[in-house]
């Protein structure tokens, strides 16, 4: 293996941040040979550019999020007249197939008897239960946070991303659901 490949490996391993000692040592010896100095400079810049791959996990296009989705009686089918309100935040990681739903609600007519994700259904349509959250939703005013797997059986990724699932909370006075919000990204 030649010194050129060793130099590129060192530059990649340090992500182009070579130690000042190494640079001073190379500079003092290479300044005697301007053509060699130019070659080293070009190789250094090339290796830094070659090592600069897009691996920034903080800018992950695999995660979609929507905050502040409204939960209301108006979205139930048929619509419900209620003082209850709520919001939900949803996040879906396509790489891990995990859906996170956080909900906050208040002023339900009574303590809930059920809470679910239903699907597949567009706004204005009803559908069957896909995920049960009743153990997490037990008071007339509250919050919860839950993560579920998009397993392609109960919840299908393409339908989720297209907005064909909804979350709702059921009460004794409104057994079909008192407030509802469509899960949208």
N, C-alpha and C. Protein backbone atom coordinates (compact mmCIF):
# COMPACT_ATOMS: atom_id res chain seq x y z
N UNK A 1 0.85 -1.16 0.00
CA UNK A 1 0.00 0.00 0.00
C UNK A 1 0.90 1.23 0.00
N UNK A 2 0.66 2.14 -0.92
CA UNK A 2 1.48 3.35 -1.05
C UNK A 2 1.11 4.40 -0.03
N UNK A 3 1.96 5.45 0.05
CA UNK A 3 1.71 6.50 1.03
C UNK A 3 0.46 7.29 0.69
N UNK A 4 0.07 7.31 -0.59
CA UNK A 4 -1.15 8.02 -0.98
C UNK A 4 -2.37 7.37 -0.33
N UNK A 5 -2.50 6.04 -0.39
CA UNK A 5 -3.65 5.39 0.22
C UNK A 5 -3.61 5.49 1.74
N UNK A 6 -2.40 5.48 2.33
CA UNK A 6 -2.29 5.67 3.77
C UNK A 6 -2.77 7.06 4.15
N UNK A 7 -2.40 8.08 3.36
CA UNK A 7 -2.82 9.45 3.63
C UNK A 7 -4.34 9.57 3.56
N UNK A 8 -4.94 8.96 2.54
CA UNK A 8 -6.40 9.03 2.40
C UNK A 8 -7.08 8.32 3.57
N UNK A 9 -6.55 7.17 4.00
CA UNK A 9 -7.13 6.48 5.15
C UNK A 9 -7.04 7.32 6.41
N UNK A 10 -5.89 7.99 6.62
CA UNK A 10 -5.74 8.85 7.80
C UNK A 10 -6.72 10.00 7.72
N UNK A 11 -6.86 10.61 6.54
CA UNK A 11 -7.76 11.74 6.38
C UNK A 11 -9.21 11.31 6.60
N UNK A 12 -9.59 10.15 6.09
CA UNK A 12 -10.97 9.67 6.30
C UNK A 12 -11.21 9.33 7.77
N UNK A 13 -10.24 8.67 8.39
CA UNK A 13 -10.42 8.28 9.79
C UNK A 13 -10.54 9.49 10.70
N UNK A 14 -9.91 10.59 10.33
CA UNK A 14 -9.98 11.79 11.15
C UNK A 14 -10.98 12.79 10.59
N UNK A 15 -11.70 12.37 9.54
CA UNK A 15 -12.68 13.23 8.86
C UNK A 15 -12.03 14.53 8.40
N UNK A 16 -10.80 14.41 7.94
CA UNK A 16 -10.11 15.56 7.37
C UNK A 16 -9.47 16.46 8.40
N UNK A 17 -9.56 16.12 9.70
CA UNK A 17 -9.00 16.95 10.75
C UNK A 17 -7.67 16.34 11.19
N UNK A 18 -6.63 16.65 10.46
CA UNK A 18 -5.32 16.11 10.78
C UNK A 18 -4.71 16.90 11.93
N UNK A 19 -3.86 16.25 12.71
CA UNK A 19 -3.26 16.92 13.86
C UNK A 19 -2.29 18.01 13.39
N UNK A 20 -2.16 19.11 14.18
CA UNK A 20 -1.22 20.18 13.81
C UNK A 20 0.20 19.66 13.66
N UNK A 21 0.63 18.70 14.50
CA UNK A 21 1.99 18.15 14.41
C UNK A 21 2.21 17.51 13.04
N UNK A 22 1.24 16.70 12.59
CA UNK A 22 1.37 16.03 11.32
C UNK A 22 1.44 17.04 10.19
N UNK A 23 0.61 18.08 10.25
CA UNK A 23 0.64 19.09 9.20
C UNK A 23 1.95 19.86 9.20
N UNK A 24 2.47 20.24 10.37
CA UNK A 24 3.73 20.98 10.44
C UNK A 24 4.86 20.10 9.91
N UNK A 25 4.92 18.86 10.32
CA UNK A 25 5.96 17.94 9.88
C UNK A 25 5.93 17.80 8.36
N UNK A 26 4.72 17.57 7.81
CA UNK A 26 4.61 17.41 6.37
C UNK A 26 4.95 18.70 5.65
N UNK A 27 4.51 19.84 6.19
CA UNK A 27 4.77 21.12 5.56
C UNK A 27 6.26 21.41 5.49
N UNK A 28 6.98 21.20 6.58
CA UNK A 28 8.42 21.49 6.59
C UNK A 28 9.17 20.63 5.59
N UNK A 29 8.81 19.38 5.44
CA UNK A 29 9.51 18.50 4.52
C UNK A 29 9.06 18.69 3.08
N UNK A 30 7.80 18.97 2.87
CA UNK A 30 7.27 19.06 1.52
C UNK A 30 7.57 20.42 0.89
N UNK A 31 7.77 21.47 1.68
CA UNK A 31 8.04 22.79 1.12
C UNK A 31 9.30 22.77 0.26
N UNK A 32 10.15 21.79 0.43
CA UNK A 32 11.34 21.67 -0.41
C UNK A 32 10.96 21.26 -1.82
N UNK A 33 9.73 20.70 -1.97
CA UNK A 33 9.28 20.20 -3.27
C UNK A 33 7.89 20.77 -3.57
N UNK A 34 7.80 21.94 -4.23
CA UNK A 34 6.50 22.59 -4.47
C UNK A 34 5.50 21.71 -5.23
N UNK A 35 5.95 20.91 -6.17
CA UNK A 35 5.01 20.05 -6.91
C UNK A 35 4.40 19.00 -5.98
N UNK A 36 5.23 18.46 -5.11
CA UNK A 36 4.74 17.48 -4.15
C UNK A 36 3.76 18.13 -3.16
N UNK A 37 4.07 19.36 -2.74
CA UNK A 37 3.18 20.11 -1.85
C UNK A 37 1.81 20.32 -2.50
N UNK A 38 1.80 20.68 -3.76
CA UNK A 38 0.54 20.88 -4.48
C UNK A 38 -0.25 19.58 -4.55
N UNK A 39 0.46 18.48 -4.81
CA UNK A 39 -0.20 17.19 -4.87
C UNK A 39 -0.81 16.81 -3.53
N UNK A 40 -0.07 17.03 -2.44
CA UNK A 40 -0.59 16.72 -1.10
C UNK A 40 -1.81 17.59 -0.80
N UNK A 41 -1.76 18.85 -1.15
CA UNK A 41 -2.90 19.75 -0.91
C UNK A 41 -4.13 19.28 -1.68
N UNK A 42 -3.96 18.93 -2.94
CA UNK A 42 -5.08 18.44 -3.74
C UNK A 42 -5.63 17.14 -3.15
N UNK A 43 -4.72 16.24 -2.76
CA UNK A 43 -5.16 14.98 -2.16
C UNK A 43 -5.89 15.20 -0.84
N UNK A 44 -5.41 16.14 -0.05
CA UNK A 44 -6.08 16.43 1.22
C UNK A 44 -7.49 16.94 0.99
N UNK A 45 -7.64 17.88 0.07
CA UNK A 45 -8.98 18.41 -0.22
C UNK A 45 -9.88 17.33 -0.81
N UNK A 46 -9.33 16.52 -1.69
CA UNK A 46 -10.12 15.44 -2.30
C UNK A 46 -10.56 14.43 -1.25
N UNK A 47 -9.66 14.08 -0.34
CA UNK A 47 -10.03 13.09 0.67
C UNK A 47 -11.06 13.63 1.65
N UNK A 48 -10.98 14.91 1.98
CA UNK A 48 -11.99 15.51 2.86
C UNK A 48 -13.35 15.49 2.18
N UNK A 49 -13.37 15.84 0.90
CA UNK A 49 -14.63 15.83 0.16
C UNK A 49 -15.15 14.40 0.03
N UNK A 50 -14.27 13.44 -0.25
CA UNK A 50 -14.69 12.05 -0.40
C UNK A 50 -15.20 11.46 0.90
N UNK A 51 -14.66 11.91 2.03
CA UNK A 51 -15.08 11.38 3.32
C UNK A 51 -16.31 12.07 3.87
N UNK A 52 -16.73 13.14 3.25
CA UNK A 52 -17.85 13.91 3.74
C UNK A 52 -19.15 13.30 3.24
N UNK A 53 -19.44 12.10 3.69
CA UNK A 53 -20.67 11.44 3.29
C UNK A 53 -21.83 11.98 4.12
N UNK A 54 -23.03 11.83 3.60
CA UNK A 54 -24.22 12.34 4.28
C UNK A 54 -24.70 11.31 5.29
N UNK A 55 -24.16 11.40 6.52
CA UNK A 55 -24.57 10.45 7.56
C UNK A 55 -25.08 11.18 8.79
N UNK A 56 -25.67 12.34 8.59
CA UNK A 56 -26.18 13.13 9.69
C UNK A 56 -27.52 12.57 10.14
N UNK A 57 -27.51 11.84 11.27
CA UNK A 57 -28.74 11.22 11.76
C UNK A 57 -29.75 12.24 12.28
N UNK A 58 -29.34 13.47 12.55
CA UNK A 58 -30.26 14.48 13.05
C UNK A 58 -31.15 15.02 11.95
N UNK A 59 -30.80 14.80 10.71
CA UNK A 59 -31.60 15.26 9.59
C UNK A 59 -32.13 14.03 8.87
N UNK A 60 -32.92 13.24 9.55
CA UNK A 60 -33.35 11.96 9.05
C UNK A 60 -34.66 12.09 8.30
N UNK A 61 -34.62 11.79 7.00
CA UNK A 61 -35.83 11.86 6.18
C UNK A 61 -36.76 10.69 6.43
N UNK A 62 -36.35 9.74 7.26
CA UNK A 62 -37.19 8.59 7.57
C UNK A 62 -38.21 8.89 8.65
N UNK A 63 -38.13 10.04 9.29
CA UNK A 63 -39.06 10.38 10.36
C UNK A 63 -40.00 11.49 9.89
N UNK A 64 -41.29 11.21 9.97
CA UNK A 64 -42.30 12.22 9.65
C UNK A 64 -43.08 12.53 10.92
N UNK A 65 -43.40 13.79 11.09
CA UNK A 65 -44.03 14.26 12.33
C UNK A 65 -45.11 15.27 12.01
N UNK A 66 -46.16 15.25 12.81
CA UNK A 66 -47.20 16.29 12.72
C UNK A 66 -47.66 16.58 14.14
N UNK A 67 -47.62 17.83 14.53
CA UNK A 67 -48.03 18.25 15.87
C UNK A 67 -49.30 19.09 15.81
N UNK A 68 -50.05 19.04 16.89
CA UNK A 68 -51.23 19.89 17.02
C UNK A 68 -52.45 19.43 16.24
N UNK A 69 -52.54 18.15 15.93
CA UNK A 69 -53.74 17.65 15.26
C UNK A 69 -54.92 17.73 16.23
N UNK A 70 -56.03 18.24 15.75
CA UNK A 70 -57.18 18.52 16.61
C UNK A 70 -58.01 17.26 16.83
N UNK A 71 -58.43 17.07 18.10
CA UNK A 71 -59.41 16.06 18.47
C UNK A 71 -60.70 16.80 18.80
N UNK A 72 -61.79 16.47 18.13
CA UNK A 72 -63.05 17.17 18.37
C UNK A 72 -64.24 16.27 18.06
N UNK A 73 -65.38 16.67 18.59
CA UNK A 73 -66.62 15.95 18.31
C UNK A 73 -67.07 16.14 16.88
N UNK A 74 -66.68 17.25 16.27
CA UNK A 74 -67.06 17.52 14.88
C UNK A 74 -66.51 16.47 13.91
N UNK A 75 -65.40 15.84 14.28
CA UNK A 75 -64.77 14.87 13.38
C UNK A 75 -65.37 13.46 13.52
N UNK A 76 -66.16 13.23 14.59
CA UNK A 76 -66.83 11.94 14.72
C UNK A 76 -67.88 11.79 13.62
N UNK A 77 -68.22 10.55 13.30
CA UNK A 77 -69.24 10.27 12.28
C UNK A 77 -70.30 9.39 12.91
N UNK A 78 -71.51 9.93 13.15
CA UNK A 78 -71.90 11.33 12.93
C UNK A 78 -71.25 12.26 13.95
N UNK A 79 -71.25 13.55 13.62
CA UNK A 79 -70.62 14.56 14.49
C UNK A 79 -71.30 14.58 15.85
N UNK A 80 -70.52 14.85 16.89
CA UNK A 80 -71.03 14.91 18.27
C UNK A 80 -70.94 16.35 18.79
N UNK A 81 -71.96 16.74 19.56
CA UNK A 81 -71.93 18.03 20.25
C UNK A 81 -71.34 17.75 21.63
N UNK A 82 -70.19 18.35 21.92
CA UNK A 82 -69.49 18.09 23.18
C UNK A 82 -68.62 19.28 23.55
N UNK A 83 -68.36 19.42 24.83
CA UNK A 83 -67.41 20.43 25.30
C UNK A 83 -65.98 19.90 25.28
N UNK A 84 -65.82 18.63 24.99
CA UNK A 84 -64.50 18.01 24.99
C UNK A 84 -63.66 18.53 23.83
N UNK A 85 -62.38 18.69 24.11
CA UNK A 85 -61.41 19.09 23.09
C UNK A 85 -60.13 18.32 23.33
N UNK A 86 -59.27 18.33 22.35
CA UNK A 86 -57.98 17.69 22.51
C UNK A 86 -57.07 17.95 21.33
N UNK A 87 -55.83 17.57 21.51
CA UNK A 87 -54.85 17.63 20.43
C UNK A 87 -53.99 16.37 20.50
N UNK A 88 -53.37 16.07 19.39
CA UNK A 88 -52.42 14.95 19.38
C UNK A 88 -51.23 15.31 18.50
N UNK A 89 -50.11 14.74 18.88
CA UNK A 89 -48.88 14.83 18.10
C UNK A 89 -48.54 13.42 17.66
N UNK A 90 -48.17 13.28 16.39
CA UNK A 90 -47.82 11.96 15.87
C UNK A 90 -46.46 12.02 15.20
N UNK A 91 -45.74 10.93 15.32
CA UNK A 91 -44.43 10.80 14.69
C UNK A 91 -44.28 9.37 14.21
N UNK A 92 -43.77 9.22 12.98
CA UNK A 92 -43.57 7.88 12.45
C UNK A 92 -42.16 7.76 11.91
N UNK A 93 -41.44 6.74 12.37
CA UNK A 93 -40.09 6.45 11.92
C UNK A 93 -40.17 5.31 10.91
N UNK A 94 -39.95 5.62 9.65
CA UNK A 94 -40.06 4.62 8.58
C UNK A 94 -39.02 3.52 8.72
N UNK A 95 -37.86 3.83 9.28
CA UNK A 95 -36.81 2.82 9.38
C UNK A 95 -37.08 1.80 10.49
N UNK A 96 -37.70 2.23 11.58
CA UNK A 96 -37.98 1.30 12.68
C UNK A 96 -39.44 0.83 12.68
N UNK A 97 -40.26 1.44 11.82
CA UNK A 97 -41.69 1.10 11.72
C UNK A 97 -42.43 1.39 13.03
N UNK A 98 -42.02 2.45 13.73
CA UNK A 98 -42.65 2.80 15.00
C UNK A 98 -43.46 4.10 14.86
N UNK A 99 -44.71 4.03 15.27
CA UNK A 99 -45.61 5.18 15.31
C UNK A 99 -45.75 5.61 16.76
N UNK A 100 -45.51 6.88 17.03
CA UNK A 100 -45.69 7.43 18.38
C UNK A 100 -46.84 8.41 18.33
N UNK A 101 -47.79 8.23 19.25
CA UNK A 101 -48.96 9.10 19.34
C UNK A 101 -49.01 9.65 20.77
N UNK A 102 -49.04 10.97 20.88
CA UNK A 102 -49.19 11.65 22.16
C UNK A 102 -50.48 12.45 22.09
N UNK A 103 -51.34 12.28 23.06
CA UNK A 103 -52.63 12.98 23.04
C UNK A 103 -52.88 13.69 24.37
N UNK A 104 -53.58 14.80 24.26
CA UNK A 104 -54.04 15.57 25.42
C UNK A 104 -55.50 15.89 25.18
N UNK A 105 -56.34 15.69 26.18
CA UNK A 105 -57.76 15.97 26.03
C UNK A 105 -58.31 16.51 27.34
N UNK A 106 -59.47 17.17 27.23
CA UNK A 106 -60.12 17.70 28.43
C UNK A 106 -61.63 17.77 28.22
N UNK A 107 -62.35 17.77 29.34
CA UNK A 107 -63.79 17.99 29.38
C UNK A 107 -64.63 16.93 28.68
N UNK A 108 -64.18 15.68 28.69
CA UNK A 108 -65.05 14.63 28.17
C UNK A 108 -66.30 14.57 29.05
N UNK A 109 -67.39 14.07 28.54
CA UNK A 109 -68.65 14.00 29.29
C UNK A 109 -68.57 13.05 30.49
N UNK A 110 -67.61 12.14 30.47
CA UNK A 110 -67.39 11.18 31.57
C UNK A 110 -66.02 10.54 31.34
N UNK A 111 -65.64 9.69 32.29
CA UNK A 111 -64.40 8.93 32.08
C UNK A 111 -64.57 8.04 30.85
N UNK A 112 -63.54 7.89 30.05
CA UNK A 112 -63.64 7.09 28.83
C UNK A 112 -63.89 5.61 29.12
N UNK A 113 -64.58 4.97 28.19
CA UNK A 113 -64.75 3.52 28.24
C UNK A 113 -63.87 2.84 27.21
N UNK A 114 -63.31 3.62 26.28
CA UNK A 114 -62.42 3.06 25.26
C UNK A 114 -61.68 4.19 24.55
N UNK A 115 -60.55 3.85 23.98
CA UNK A 115 -59.78 4.75 23.12
C UNK A 115 -59.01 3.87 22.15
N UNK A 116 -59.03 4.26 20.88
CA UNK A 116 -58.46 3.38 19.85
C UNK A 116 -57.85 4.17 18.70
N UNK A 117 -57.04 3.46 17.93
CA UNK A 117 -56.74 3.85 16.55
C UNK A 117 -57.66 2.98 15.69
N UNK A 118 -58.36 3.63 14.78
CA UNK A 118 -59.25 2.95 13.84
C UNK A 118 -58.70 3.11 12.43
N UNK A 119 -59.03 2.19 11.56
CA UNK A 119 -58.63 2.34 10.17
C UNK A 119 -59.08 1.14 9.36
N UNK A 120 -58.97 1.23 8.12
CA UNK A 120 -58.58 2.40 7.32
C UNK A 120 -59.85 3.15 6.95
N UNK A 121 -59.77 4.47 7.10
CA UNK A 121 -60.91 5.32 6.77
C UNK A 121 -60.44 6.75 6.56
N UNK A 122 -60.96 7.37 5.53
CA UNK A 122 -60.69 8.78 5.29
C UNK A 122 -61.53 9.60 6.26
N UNK A 123 -61.28 10.89 6.33
CA UNK A 123 -62.13 11.78 7.13
C UNK A 123 -63.57 11.61 6.67
N UNK A 124 -64.49 11.59 7.63
CA UNK A 124 -65.91 11.45 7.28
C UNK A 124 -66.39 10.02 7.17
N UNK A 125 -65.50 9.06 7.43
CA UNK A 125 -65.89 7.65 7.36
C UNK A 125 -65.44 6.94 8.64
N UNK A 126 -66.12 5.88 8.99
CA UNK A 126 -65.77 5.08 10.15
C UNK A 126 -65.07 3.79 9.72
N UNK A 127 -64.33 3.21 10.67
CA UNK A 127 -63.64 1.93 10.41
C UNK A 127 -63.45 1.19 11.72
N UNK A 128 -63.01 -0.04 11.62
CA UNK A 128 -62.83 -0.89 12.79
C UNK A 128 -61.60 -0.53 13.62
N UNK A 129 -61.56 -1.07 14.82
CA UNK A 129 -60.47 -0.84 15.77
C UNK A 129 -59.22 -1.57 15.28
N UNK A 130 -58.09 -0.87 15.32
CA UNK A 130 -56.80 -1.47 14.98
C UNK A 130 -55.88 -1.58 16.19
N UNK A 131 -55.87 -0.57 17.06
CA UNK A 131 -55.03 -0.59 18.26
C UNK A 131 -55.85 -0.05 19.43
N UNK A 132 -55.88 -0.79 20.54
CA UNK A 132 -56.64 -0.39 21.73
C UNK A 132 -55.73 0.33 22.72
N UNK A 133 -56.17 1.51 23.16
CA UNK A 133 -55.42 2.31 24.15
C UNK A 133 -56.18 2.47 25.45
N UNK A 134 -57.24 1.72 25.69
CA UNK A 134 -58.09 2.01 26.84
C UNK A 134 -57.33 2.03 28.16
N UNK A 135 -56.36 1.17 28.34
CA UNK A 135 -55.59 1.17 29.60
C UNK A 135 -54.82 2.47 29.82
N UNK A 136 -54.57 3.21 28.74
CA UNK A 136 -53.84 4.47 28.84
C UNK A 136 -54.74 5.69 28.93
N UNK A 137 -56.01 5.53 28.62
CA UNK A 137 -56.95 6.66 28.58
C UNK A 137 -58.09 6.33 29.52
N UNK A 138 -58.03 6.87 30.76
CA UNK A 138 -59.00 6.46 31.77
C UNK A 138 -59.70 7.62 32.48
N UNK A 139 -59.35 8.86 32.16
CA UNK A 139 -59.95 10.01 32.85
C UNK A 139 -60.53 11.00 31.85
N UNK A 140 -61.49 11.80 32.32
CA UNK A 140 -62.17 12.76 31.46
C UNK A 140 -61.25 13.87 30.97
N UNK A 141 -60.17 14.11 31.68
CA UNK A 141 -59.14 15.07 31.26
C UNK A 141 -57.80 14.38 31.48
N UNK A 142 -56.95 14.39 30.46
CA UNK A 142 -55.68 13.70 30.64
C UNK A 142 -54.76 13.77 29.44
N UNK A 143 -53.68 13.02 29.55
CA UNK A 143 -52.68 12.91 28.48
C UNK A 143 -52.17 11.48 28.44
N UNK A 144 -51.61 11.12 27.30
CA UNK A 144 -50.90 9.86 27.23
C UNK A 144 -49.95 9.88 26.04
N UNK A 145 -49.00 8.98 26.09
CA UNK A 145 -48.01 8.84 25.03
C UNK A 145 -47.81 7.34 24.81
N UNK A 146 -47.92 6.91 23.57
CA UNK A 146 -47.81 5.48 23.30
C UNK A 146 -47.13 5.27 21.95
N UNK A 147 -46.30 4.26 21.87
CA UNK A 147 -45.64 3.89 20.63
C UNK A 147 -46.12 2.51 20.22
N UNK A 148 -46.47 2.38 18.94
CA UNK A 148 -46.94 1.10 18.41
C UNK A 148 -46.16 0.76 17.14
N UNK A 149 -46.09 -0.51 16.85
CA UNK A 149 -45.40 -0.98 15.66
C UNK A 149 -46.34 -0.97 14.47
N UNK A 150 -45.87 -0.42 13.37
CA UNK A 150 -46.62 -0.50 12.12
C UNK A 150 -46.23 -1.84 11.50
N UNK A 151 -47.09 -2.82 11.73
CA UNK A 151 -46.74 -4.22 11.43
C UNK A 151 -47.25 -4.71 10.08
N UNK A 152 -47.87 -3.84 9.31
CA UNK A 152 -48.46 -4.17 8.01
C UNK A 152 -49.66 -5.10 8.12
N UNK A 153 -50.09 -5.39 9.35
CA UNK A 153 -51.33 -6.14 9.56
C UNK A 153 -52.38 -5.20 10.14
N UNK A 154 -52.21 -4.81 11.41
CA UNK A 154 -53.16 -3.88 12.02
C UNK A 154 -53.03 -2.50 11.39
N UNK A 155 -51.81 -2.04 11.26
CA UNK A 155 -51.56 -0.73 10.65
C UNK A 155 -50.60 -0.92 9.48
N UNK A 156 -50.98 -0.39 8.34
CA UNK A 156 -50.17 -0.49 7.12
C UNK A 156 -49.53 0.86 6.83
N UNK A 157 -48.24 0.83 6.53
CA UNK A 157 -47.49 2.06 6.34
C UNK A 157 -48.07 2.96 5.25
N UNK A 158 -48.38 2.41 4.10
CA UNK A 158 -48.88 3.27 3.02
C UNK A 158 -50.20 3.94 3.40
N UNK A 159 -51.08 3.22 4.07
CA UNK A 159 -52.35 3.81 4.51
C UNK A 159 -52.14 4.83 5.62
N UNK A 160 -51.20 4.56 6.52
CA UNK A 160 -50.88 5.51 7.58
C UNK A 160 -50.38 6.82 7.00
N UNK A 161 -49.43 6.75 6.08
CA UNK A 161 -48.86 7.96 5.49
C UNK A 161 -49.87 8.70 4.61
N UNK A 162 -50.88 7.98 4.13
CA UNK A 162 -51.93 8.61 3.32
C UNK A 162 -53.04 9.21 4.17
N UNK A 163 -53.00 9.03 5.50
CA UNK A 163 -53.99 9.65 6.38
C UNK A 163 -55.25 8.84 6.58
N UNK A 164 -55.18 7.51 6.47
CA UNK A 164 -56.37 6.68 6.56
C UNK A 164 -56.57 6.00 7.92
N UNK A 165 -56.00 6.58 8.98
CA UNK A 165 -56.25 6.09 10.33
C UNK A 165 -56.66 7.27 11.20
N UNK A 166 -57.43 7.00 12.23
CA UNK A 166 -57.82 8.05 13.16
C UNK A 166 -57.79 7.52 14.58
N UNK A 167 -57.69 8.46 15.52
CA UNK A 167 -57.69 8.16 16.95
C UNK A 167 -58.96 8.75 17.53
N UNK A 168 -59.65 8.00 18.38
CA UNK A 168 -60.80 8.58 19.07
C UNK A 168 -60.95 8.02 20.47
N UNK A 169 -61.72 8.76 21.27
CA UNK A 169 -61.98 8.40 22.66
C UNK A 169 -63.49 8.23 22.82
N UNK A 170 -63.90 7.12 23.40
CA UNK A 170 -65.31 6.77 23.57
C UNK A 170 -65.71 6.98 25.04
N UNK A 171 -66.93 7.45 25.26
CA UNK A 171 -67.48 7.64 26.61
C UNK A 171 -68.85 6.93 26.69
N UNK A 172 -69.39 6.76 27.91
CA UNK A 172 -70.70 6.11 28.02
C UNK A 172 -71.79 6.85 27.22
N UNK A 173 -71.76 8.17 27.22
CA UNK A 173 -72.76 8.94 26.48
C UNK A 173 -72.53 8.89 24.97
N UNK A 174 -71.30 8.60 24.57
CA UNK A 174 -70.94 8.56 23.15
C UNK A 174 -70.14 7.27 22.87
N UNK A 175 -70.83 6.13 22.86
CA UNK A 175 -70.13 4.85 22.72
C UNK A 175 -69.41 4.68 21.37
N UNK A 176 -69.83 5.43 20.36
CA UNK A 176 -69.16 5.37 19.07
C UNK A 176 -67.95 6.30 19.00
N UNK A 177 -67.78 7.12 20.03
CA UNK A 177 -66.67 8.06 20.08
C UNK A 177 -67.16 9.46 20.37
N UNK A 178 -66.51 10.15 21.33
CA UNK A 178 -66.88 11.53 21.66
C UNK A 178 -66.00 12.55 20.94
N UNK A 179 -64.71 12.26 20.87
CA UNK A 179 -63.82 13.13 20.08
C UNK A 179 -62.91 12.26 19.22
N UNK A 180 -62.51 12.84 18.09
CA UNK A 180 -61.75 12.09 17.10
C UNK A 180 -60.78 13.03 16.40
N UNK A 181 -59.67 12.47 15.96
CA UNK A 181 -58.71 13.21 15.15
C UNK A 181 -58.06 12.29 14.13
N UNK A 182 -57.98 12.76 12.90
CA UNK A 182 -57.35 11.97 11.85
C UNK A 182 -55.83 12.04 12.02
N UNK A 183 -55.16 10.91 11.86
CA UNK A 183 -53.70 10.86 11.94
C UNK A 183 -53.17 11.22 10.55
N UNK A 184 -52.55 12.38 10.48
CA UNK A 184 -52.06 12.90 9.20
C UNK A 184 -50.63 13.39 9.35
N UNK A 185 -49.86 13.29 8.26
CA UNK A 185 -48.49 13.79 8.24
C UNK A 185 -48.34 14.82 7.15
